[in-house]
Amino acid sequence: MKNLTLAFCLTVLFSWGTAAMAVSAGTVSASDATGGIYTPSTGGARGKQGLANAYKANQRNTYYMVTQPDVDTACREKIYKCLSDYCGDVTAVPGQRSGRCQYSSESELYNYAMLCLQKDTSILLPQYGVNTLGGAGGMNTAARLCPSYVQQEVMSYLAMANMADQLSKSHSDLCLLRRQELEAAMACHSVAMTYGNETSSMLSSQLTGACGAGVPGGSAEMVTRFSNAGNVGANIWGWAEKIVSLDMNNKGADWQAAVDSVLAGYANRMNLACGDNLQINTADYSAGNSDQPTALQTAAALITGVAFPTQNGAQPDNPYQAQSLYMQVQTLSRLDNYNMAKQVVNAALTNSALTQNAFLTSAQMDSMQTAYKRGTKVFVIEDGSRCYTIPVQPMTSQETSLMAQTFASCRAQ
């Protein structure tokens, strides 16, 4: 009996030792074979640790692929952050944008964005960080992947900033005030044209009721400007004729053009405050071709005994008296300076309308040549962000003043 008990104990101990040796050697047991696949790892992991690691890595990669952006989106965020840190975030709220970039150029923003990216050596996309974190060269950094997107993003940022600036201007308190002011000025302009030949007191009374201090946007200064248009420093010969003829109620020779100039000044004030491009269309008040001497010429002839020649002389009838003084042209490409704009106008007027031009279409060139033949003296060239006034024929002082007031924001020679 004792021998049987000893033999049984030895058998049990031998089986336990064999199982232990099998586990330590990395063999597969029956339960492992039926329950799953055993994937041993080099780090000494046991059981299904290798499968668990692979599953975890797959889940992490899937998460990054779903939640993390691609290179284009990640670079856009980096570049926009650089620009917003430099200029202030783009918003339509008045006064929120920094004044540093209000008049900044495209090259300034481009250079700053490039410098900002060069300092950013962090990993751009986390899903590639495992492969490149220990490598040399910085393959997965914003400094290496994002410079090719800077030009496009700067243009996009400028477009958004300009649109936000226009929106904030059009809703600002100053813009609303200037709009009311222009409405009052237009009312005064209509009254001035209607009562221009009345007495000075009658004209002032009507102007006060239309755009005086009690009218929204009106003021006593506005009444004075319209009532004195064409008199104060505008045309000294008009004053002289009035003194000679002893008719102080009649206005000067160019009074109507001066009234239009006053209204154009208020339109420009509204354009600057609101970011608009409103233009006042005025009639052509060119001097008449009458050969009758003026009152000043008659008085001078009586004093000196020498008759003055006619002002304009005999001129053929012009079938295009209503031709506009200026013509606006929108170019297809950007104009960098005044000299380039002048070259575009000269080329349009001298070359054939069918000549290929990078700035103007054939229809535009034909219209410009026709307008020039009919008496247009100024071409206003615009490229979307700036404009230039290019005179092509001599102008009178009144025409020059009218153009200067109408296109005050344009660049002249």
Protein backbone atom coordinates (compact mmCIF):
# COMPACT_ATOMS: atom_id res chain seq x y z
CA MET A 1 0.00 0.00 0.00
CA LYS A 2 2.80 2.36 0.82
CA ASN A 3 4.48 1.57 -2.47
CA LEU A 4 1.30 2.41 -4.44
CA THR A 5 0.91 5.73 -2.63
CA LEU A 6 4.55 6.67 -3.34
CA ALA A 7 4.18 5.76 -7.03
CA PHE A 8 1.03 7.93 -7.36
CA CYS A 9 2.74 10.96 -5.77
CA LEU A 10 5.74 10.63 -8.08
CA THR A 11 3.43 10.48 -11.11
CA VAL A 12 1.61 13.69 -10.07
CA LEU A 13 4.86 15.57 -9.44
CA PHE A 14 6.24 14.49 -12.82
CA SER A 15 3.12 15.73 -14.65
CA TRP A 16 3.28 19.11 -12.90
CA GLY A 17 6.92 19.54 -13.79
CA THR A 18 6.26 18.69 -17.43
CA ALA A 19 3.44 21.28 -17.66
CA ALA A 20 5.67 23.92 -16.08
CA MET A 21 8.46 23.20 -18.50
CA ALA A 22 6.01 23.42 -21.41
CA VAL A 23 4.69 26.86 -20.34
CA SER A 24 8.17 28.23 -19.79
CA ALA A 25 9.27 26.98 -23.21
CA GLY A 26 6.39 28.77 -25.01
CA THR A 27 4.40 25.78 -26.22
CA VAL A 28 0.71 25.89 -26.99
CA SER A 29 -1.63 24.10 -24.60
CA ALA A 30 -4.88 22.43 -25.54
CA SER A 31 -6.94 25.26 -24.13
CA ASP A 32 -4.92 27.80 -26.16
CA ALA A 33 -5.39 25.78 -29.33
CA THR A 34 -9.15 25.71 -28.91
CA GLY A 35 -9.60 29.23 -27.46
CA GLY A 36 -7.54 31.39 -29.89
CA ILE A 37 -4.17 32.05 -31.49
CA TYR A 38 -1.13 32.61 -29.32
CA THR A 39 1.27 35.26 -30.71
CA PRO A 40 4.41 35.47 -28.62
CA SER A 41 6.27 38.82 -28.56
CA THR A 42 9.95 39.56 -28.29
CA GLY A 43 9.37 41.58 -25.12
CA GLY A 44 8.42 38.50 -23.15
CA ALA A 45 4.63 39.04 -23.33
CA ARG A 46 2.50 36.06 -22.50
CA GLY A 47 -0.86 34.84 -23.68
CA LYS A 48 -2.66 37.05 -26.23
CA GLN A 49 -0.67 40.21 -25.44
CA GLY A 50 0.68 40.48 -29.02
CA LEU A 51 -2.83 40.33 -30.45
CA ALA A 52 -3.95 42.94 -27.96
CA ASN A 53 -1.09 45.24 -28.95
CA ALA A 54 -1.95 44.88 -32.64
CA TYR A 55 -5.61 45.64 -31.91
CA LYS A 56 -4.65 48.69 -29.87
CA ALA A 57 -2.36 50.00 -32.63
CA ASN A 58 -5.12 49.48 -35.21
CA GLN A 59 -7.63 51.33 -33.07
CA ARG A 60 -5.19 54.22 -32.57
CA ASN A 61 -4.47 54.49 -36.30
CA THR A 62 -8.19 54.35 -37.11
CA TYR A 63 -8.87 57.13 -34.60
CA TYR A 64 -6.18 59.38 -36.06
CA MET A 65 -7.34 58.75 -39.62
CA VAL A 66 -10.92 59.67 -38.72
CA THR A 67 -10.36 62.60 -36.36
CA GLN A 68 -7.11 64.17 -37.60
CA PRO A 69 -7.02 66.39 -40.74
CA ASP A 70 -5.02 65.84 -43.88
CA VAL A 71 -1.93 67.85 -44.76
CA ASP A 72 -3.88 70.58 -46.59
CA THR A 73 -6.32 71.17 -43.71
CA ALA A 74 -3.61 71.03 -41.06
CA CYS A 75 -1.50 73.56 -42.95
CA ARG A 76 -4.47 75.88 -43.41
CA GLU A 77 -5.00 75.89 -39.65
CA LYS A 78 -1.31 76.56 -39.01
CA ILE A 79 -1.11 79.43 -41.50
CA TYR A 80 -4.37 81.00 -40.34
CA LYS A 81 -3.16 80.88 -36.76
CA CYS A 82 0.05 82.66 -37.78
CA LEU A 83 -1.90 85.40 -39.60
CA SER A 84 -4.50 85.82 -36.88
CA ASP A 85 -1.79 86.11 -34.23
CA TYR A 86 -0.13 88.82 -36.31
CA CYS A 87 -3.21 90.76 -37.46
CA GLY A 88 -6.02 89.71 -35.19
CA ASP A 89 -8.77 87.23 -35.99
CA VAL A 90 -11.05 88.02 -38.95
CA THR A 91 -14.41 89.13 -37.63
CA ALA A 92 -17.24 91.39 -38.72
CA VAL A 93 -17.42 93.17 -35.34
CA PRO A 94 -16.24 96.80 -35.74
CA GLY A 95 -12.99 97.59 -33.96
CA GLN A 96 -11.99 94.00 -33.23
CA ARG A 97 -9.32 93.63 -35.89
CA SER A 98 -5.85 94.93 -35.13
CA GLY A 99 -4.77 98.05 -36.96
CA ARG A 100 -1.43 96.47 -37.89
CA CYS A 101 -2.84 94.75 -40.99
CA GLN A 102 -5.44 97.29 -42.04
CA TYR A 103 -3.14 98.62 -44.76
CA SER A 104 -0.69 95.71 -44.97
CA SER A 105 0.44 94.40 -48.33
CA GLU A 106 0.32 90.84 -49.60
CA SER A 107 4.11 90.53 -49.47
CA GLU A 108 4.19 91.60 -45.81
CA LEU A 109 1.72 88.92 -44.78
CA TYR A 110 3.45 86.32 -46.94
CA ASN A 111 6.85 86.99 -45.39
CA TYR A 112 5.48 86.89 -41.86
CA ALA A 113 3.62 83.61 -42.46
CA MET A 114 6.80 82.03 -43.84
CA LEU A 115 8.81 83.14 -40.83
CA CYS A 116 6.12 81.85 -38.50
CA LEU A 117 6.12 78.43 -40.17
CA GLN A 118 9.90 78.14 -40.12
CA LYS A 119 9.81 78.28 -36.32
CA ASP A 120 7.14 75.56 -36.12
CA THR A 121 9.01 72.24 -35.98
CA SER A 122 6.30 70.33 -34.13
CA ILE A 123 4.73 67.20 -35.62
CA LEU A 124 2.03 68.24 -38.07
CA LEU A 125 0.04 64.98 -38.29
CA PRO A 126 0.01 62.67 -35.20
CA GLN A 127 -0.70 59.48 -37.18
CA TYR A 128 2.77 59.70 -38.71
CA GLY A 129 4.50 60.56 -35.46
CA VAL A 130 5.47 56.94 -34.59
CA ASN A 131 7.46 56.57 -37.80
CA THR A 132 9.21 59.94 -37.79
CA LEU A 133 9.51 60.81 -34.13
CA GLY A 134 12.90 59.15 -33.79
CA GLY A 135 14.09 59.96 -37.32
CA ALA A 136 16.20 62.90 -38.46
CA GLY A 137 15.26 65.62 -40.96
CA GLY A 138 11.83 66.70 -39.68
CA MET A 139 9.75 65.13 -42.45
CA ASN A 140 6.45 65.60 -40.62
CA THR A 141 6.69 69.25 -39.53
CA ALA A 142 4.79 72.36 -40.56
CA ALA A 143 8.06 74.00 -41.62
CA ARG A 144 8.56 71.32 -44.27
CA LEU A 145 5.03 70.57 -45.46
CA CYS A 146 3.22 73.93 -45.31
CA PRO A 147 5.22 76.60 -47.26
CA SER A 148 3.57 75.60 -50.54
CA TYR A 149 0.16 76.56 -49.10
CA VAL A 150 1.16 80.03 -47.86
CA GLN A 151 0.41 82.01 -51.04
CA GLN A 152 -3.08 80.57 -51.41
CA GLU A 153 -3.91 81.06 -47.75
CA VAL A 154 -2.66 84.65 -47.69
CA MET A 155 -4.97 85.50 -50.59
CA SER A 156 -7.85 83.76 -48.84
CA TYR A 157 -7.11 85.63 -45.61
CA LEU A 158 -6.99 88.98 -47.43
CA ALA A 159 -10.30 88.25 -49.14
CA MET A 160 -11.97 87.35 -45.83
CA ALA A 161 -10.44 90.37 -44.10
CA ASN A 162 -11.64 92.73 -46.82
CA MET A 163 -15.14 91.30 -46.77
CA ALA A 164 -15.28 91.53 -42.98
CA ASP A 165 -13.98 95.08 -43.13
CA GLN A 166 -16.61 96.06 -45.70
CA LEU A 167 -19.34 94.47 -43.61
CA SER A 168 -18.23 96.20 -40.43
CA LYS A 169 -17.96 99.53 -42.25
CA SER A 170 -21.41 99.30 -43.78
CA HIS A 171 -22.95 98.68 -40.35
CA SER A 172 -20.89 101.21 -38.41
CA ASP A 173 -22.35 104.29 -36.76
CA LEU A 174 -20.18 106.57 -38.90
CA CYS A 175 -21.51 104.97 -42.08
CA LEU A 176 -25.12 105.47 -41.02
CA LEU A 177 -24.34 109.10 -40.18
CA ARG A 178 -22.70 109.67 -43.59
CA ARG A 179 -25.66 108.07 -45.37
CA GLN A 180 -28.04 110.47 -43.65
CA GLU A 181 -25.71 113.32 -44.52
CA LEU A 182 -25.72 112.33 -48.20
CA GLU A 183 -29.51 112.11 -48.23
CA ALA A 184 -29.72 115.64 -46.87
CA ALA A 185 -27.11 116.82 -49.40
CA MET A 186 -29.09 115.32 -52.28
CA ALA A 187 -32.19 117.17 -51.07
CA CYS A 188 -30.20 120.41 -50.95
CA HIS A 189 -28.79 119.75 -54.41
CA SER A 190 -32.31 119.45 -55.83
CA VAL A 191 -33.42 122.63 -54.07
CA ALA A 192 -30.34 124.54 -55.25
CA MET A 193 -31.00 123.57 -58.85
CA THR A 194 -34.64 124.64 -58.54
CA TYR A 195 -34.14 127.98 -56.75
CA GLY A 196 -30.73 128.86 -58.19
CA ASN A 197 -31.93 132.04 -59.90
CA GLU A 198 -33.94 133.30 -56.95
CA THR A 199 -32.68 135.83 -54.44
CA SER A 200 -29.98 134.77 -51.98
CA SER A 201 -32.35 134.99 -49.03
CA MET A 202 -34.96 132.88 -50.82
CA LEU A 203 -32.35 130.25 -51.72
CA SER A 204 -30.95 130.11 -48.17
CA SER A 205 -34.45 129.77 -46.71
CA GLN A 206 -35.30 126.85 -48.99
CA LEU A 207 -31.96 125.15 -48.34
CA THR A 208 -32.42 125.48 -44.57
CA GLY A 209 -35.74 123.69 -44.80
CA ALA A 210 -34.26 120.89 -46.95
CA CYS A 211 -30.94 120.23 -45.21
CA GLY A 212 -30.70 122.60 -42.27
CA ALA A 213 -29.73 121.84 -38.69
CA GLY A 214 -33.13 120.31 -37.86
CA VAL A 215 -33.02 117.76 -40.69
CA PRO A 216 -31.37 114.36 -40.02
CA GLY A 217 -27.90 114.58 -41.53
CA GLY A 218 -28.22 118.26 -42.34
CA SER A 219 -26.33 121.19 -40.86
CA ALA A 220 -25.84 124.92 -41.22
CA GLU A 221 -22.48 124.23 -42.83
CA MET A 222 -24.18 122.21 -45.58
CA VAL A 223 -26.59 125.07 -46.28
CA THR A 224 -23.66 127.49 -46.56
CA ARG A 225 -21.77 125.23 -48.95
CA PHE A 226 -24.69 124.88 -51.35
CA SER A 227 -25.75 128.52 -51.18
CA ASN A 228 -22.20 129.77 -51.84
CA ALA A 229 -21.30 127.15 -54.47
CA GLY A 230 -19.64 128.78 -57.45
CA ASN A 231 -19.17 132.08 -55.65
CA VAL A 232 -16.51 131.76 -52.96
CA GLY A 233 -13.22 131.35 -54.78
CA ALA A 234 -14.75 129.28 -57.58
CA ASN A 235 -14.95 131.79 -60.43
CA ILE A 236 -13.73 135.35 -59.96
CA TRP A 237 -14.99 136.36 -63.39
CA GLY A 238 -18.49 135.38 -62.34
CA TRP A 239 -18.24 137.84 -59.44
CA ALA A 240 -16.90 140.52 -61.76
CA GLU A 241 -19.78 140.08 -64.21
CA LYS A 242 -22.28 140.27 -61.37
CA ILE A 243 -20.74 143.51 -60.12
CA VAL A 244 -20.70 145.06 -63.60
CA SER A 245 -24.30 144.04 -64.34
CA LEU A 246 -25.41 145.03 -60.80
CA ASP A 247 -27.31 141.74 -60.48
CA MET A 248 -26.05 140.11 -57.30
CA ASN A 249 -28.75 137.45 -57.28
CA ASN A 250 -27.59 135.66 -60.43
CA LYS A 251 -25.00 132.99 -59.93
CA GLY A 252 -21.55 132.72 -61.48
CA ALA A 253 -20.89 131.15 -64.86
CA ASP A 254 -20.08 127.68 -63.49
CA TRP A 255 -22.45 127.64 -60.56
CA GLN A 256 -24.26 124.45 -61.57
CA ALA A 257 -21.01 122.50 -61.93
CA ALA A 258 -19.90 123.80 -58.52
CA VAL A 259 -23.15 122.57 -56.92
CA ASP A 260 -22.52 119.13 -58.41
CA SER A 261 -19.00 119.24 -57.01
CA VAL A 262 -20.33 119.92 -53.51
CA LEU A 263 -22.68 116.94 -53.77
CA ALA A 264 -19.82 114.74 -55.05
CA GLY A 265 -17.83 115.72 -51.97
CA TYR A 266 -20.56 114.38 -49.67
CA ALA A 267 -20.75 111.20 -51.77
CA ASN A 268 -17.02 110.66 -51.29
CA ARG A 269 -17.37 111.12 -47.53
CA MET A 270 -20.02 108.39 -47.51
CA ASN A 271 -17.86 106.11 -49.71
CA LEU A 272 -14.90 106.40 -47.35
CA ALA A 273 -17.01 105.70 -44.27
CA CYS A 274 -19.05 102.82 -45.71
CA GLY A 275 -16.60 101.28 -48.16
CA ASP A 276 -19.04 101.83 -51.04
CA ASN A 277 -18.38 103.05 -54.57
CA LEU A 278 -21.33 105.37 -55.14
CA GLN A 279 -20.86 107.82 -58.00
CA ILE A 280 -22.90 110.90 -58.80
CA ASN A 281 -23.81 111.22 -62.48
CA THR A 282 -23.78 114.89 -63.39
CA ALA A 283 -24.81 116.71 -66.54
CA ASP A 284 -22.34 118.32 -68.92
CA TYR A 285 -22.21 122.05 -68.14
CA SER A 286 -19.66 123.01 -70.78
CA ALA A 287 -19.51 126.61 -71.85
CA GLY A 288 -21.91 127.58 -74.63
CA ASN A 289 -20.84 128.62 -78.12
CA SER A 290 -22.67 131.92 -78.11
CA ASP A 291 -20.79 134.77 -79.79
CA GLN A 292 -22.54 137.39 -77.65
CA PRO A 293 -20.07 139.33 -75.45
CA THR A 294 -20.40 139.08 -71.71
CA ALA A 295 -21.16 142.04 -69.47
CA LEU A 296 -17.49 142.24 -68.45
CA GLN A 297 -16.36 142.32 -72.10
CA THR A 298 -18.89 145.04 -72.92
CA ALA A 299 -17.68 147.22 -70.05
CA ALA A 300 -14.04 146.68 -71.01
CA ALA A 301 -14.75 147.53 -74.65
CA LEU A 302 -16.43 150.81 -73.63
CA ILE A 303 -13.43 151.75 -71.51
CA THR A 304 -10.62 150.82 -73.90
CA GLY A 305 -12.41 151.33 -77.19
CA VAL A 306 -11.18 147.91 -78.41
CA ALA A 307 -13.69 145.17 -79.04
CA PHE A 308 -12.97 141.75 -77.56
CA PRO A 309 -12.94 138.78 -79.96
CA THR A 310 -15.57 136.16 -79.52
CA GLN A 311 -14.90 133.68 -76.78
CA ASN A 312 -15.06 130.43 -78.70
CA GLY A 313 -15.29 131.43 -82.33
CA ALA A 314 -17.21 129.60 -84.99
CA GLN A 315 -17.32 125.89 -84.29
CA PRO A 316 -19.00 123.09 -86.23
CA ASP A 317 -21.94 121.38 -84.66
CA ASN A 318 -20.88 118.52 -82.43
CA PRO A 319 -23.36 115.62 -82.61
CA TYR A 320 -21.89 114.18 -79.40
CA GLN A 321 -22.46 117.08 -76.97
CA ALA A 322 -23.83 114.66 -74.39
CA GLN A 323 -20.65 112.52 -74.41
CA SER A 324 -19.46 111.81 -70.87
CA LEU A 325 -16.36 113.54 -69.56
CA TYR A 326 -14.93 110.28 -68.24
CA MET A 327 -15.22 106.55 -68.84
CA GLN A 328 -14.68 103.78 -66.30
CA VAL A 329 -12.90 100.60 -67.38
CA GLN A 330 -12.47 97.39 -65.33
CA THR A 331 -9.24 95.55 -66.14
CA LEU A 332 -8.75 91.78 -66.16
CA SER A 333 -5.39 91.86 -64.38
CA ARG A 334 -3.85 93.72 -61.47
CA LEU A 335 -2.38 97.21 -61.96
CA ASP A 336 0.58 97.85 -59.70
CA ASN A 337 1.14 101.58 -60.28
CA TYR A 338 0.07 104.65 -62.22
CA ASN A 339 2.62 104.18 -65.01
CA MET A 340 1.30 100.70 -65.77
CA ALA A 341 -2.28 102.02 -65.88
CA LYS A 342 -1.22 104.80 -68.26
CA GLN A 343 0.49 102.30 -70.56
CA VAL A 344 -2.68 100.19 -70.64
CA VAL A 345 -4.76 103.22 -71.69
CA ASN A 346 -2.24 104.30 -74.35
CA ALA A 347 -2.10 100.79 -75.77
CA ALA A 348 -5.90 100.57 -75.88
CA LEU A 349 -6.18 103.88 -77.78
CA THR A 350 -3.35 103.32 -80.25
CA ASN A 351 -3.55 99.61 -81.09
CA SER A 352 -6.24 97.82 -83.04
CA ALA A 353 -9.23 96.69 -81.03
CA LEU A 354 -8.49 93.11 -82.07
CA THR A 355 -4.96 93.20 -80.66
CA GLN A 356 -4.50 90.74 -77.80
CA ASN A 357 -4.25 92.47 -74.45
CA ALA A 358 -3.77 90.90 -71.02
CA PHE A 359 -5.68 93.72 -69.30
CA LEU A 360 -8.60 94.61 -71.60
CA THR A 361 -10.98 92.78 -73.89
CA SER A 362 -11.49 93.72 -77.53
CA ALA A 363 -14.92 95.17 -76.72
CA GLN A 364 -13.44 97.40 -74.01
CA MET A 365 -10.71 98.67 -76.34
CA ASP A 366 -13.27 99.43 -79.07
CA SER A 367 -15.48 101.31 -76.60
CA MET A 368 -12.51 103.33 -75.32
CA GLN A 369 -11.46 104.32 -78.84
CA THR A 370 -15.03 105.34 -79.72
CA ALA A 371 -15.36 107.38 -76.52
CA TYR A 372 -12.05 109.12 -77.18
CA LYS A 373 -13.18 110.13 -80.69
CA ARG A 374 -16.41 111.54 -79.28
CA GLY A 375 -14.71 113.71 -76.68
CA THR A 376 -14.07 111.67 -73.52
CA LYS A 377 -11.13 113.27 -71.74
CA VAL A 378 -10.43 110.95 -68.79
CA PHE A 379 -10.32 107.17 -68.42
CA VAL A 380 -10.76 105.73 -64.91
CA ILE A 381 -8.93 102.38 -64.81
CA GLU A 382 -9.91 99.97 -62.01
CA ASP A 383 -8.60 96.52 -61.12
CA GLY A 384 -10.91 95.65 -58.23
CA SER A 385 -8.81 97.05 -55.38
CA ARG A 386 -7.46 100.34 -56.74
CA CYS A 387 -8.19 102.87 -59.47
CA TYR A 388 -6.28 105.47 -61.48
CA THR A 389 -7.49 108.56 -63.35
CA ILE A 390 -5.71 108.84 -66.72
CA PRO A 391 -6.38 112.11 -68.63
CA VAL A 392 -5.98 111.83 -72.40
CA GLN A 393 -7.07 115.34 -73.43
CA PRO A 394 -6.63 118.80 -71.89
CA MET A 395 -9.33 119.71 -69.39
CA THR A 396 -10.66 122.99 -68.06
CA SER A 397 -10.23 123.89 -64.41
CA GLN A 398 -13.90 123.14 -63.77
CA GLU A 399 -13.61 119.69 -65.33
CA THR A 400 -10.46 118.97 -63.35
CA SER A 401 -12.19 120.00 -60.11
CA LEU A 402 -15.21 117.83 -60.92
CA MET A 403 -13.03 114.79 -61.61
CA ALA A 404 -11.00 115.36 -58.45
CA GLN A 405 -14.16 115.48 -56.34
CA THR A 406 -15.91 112.55 -58.04
CA PHE A 407 -12.91 110.19 -57.86
CA ALA A 408 -11.21 111.46 -54.73
CA SER A 409 -10.08 107.96 -53.74
CA CYS A 410 -8.36 107.27 -57.08
CA ARG A 411 -4.68 107.86 -57.66
CA ALA A 412 -3.81 110.71 -59.99
CA GLN A 413 -0.57 111.48 -61.75
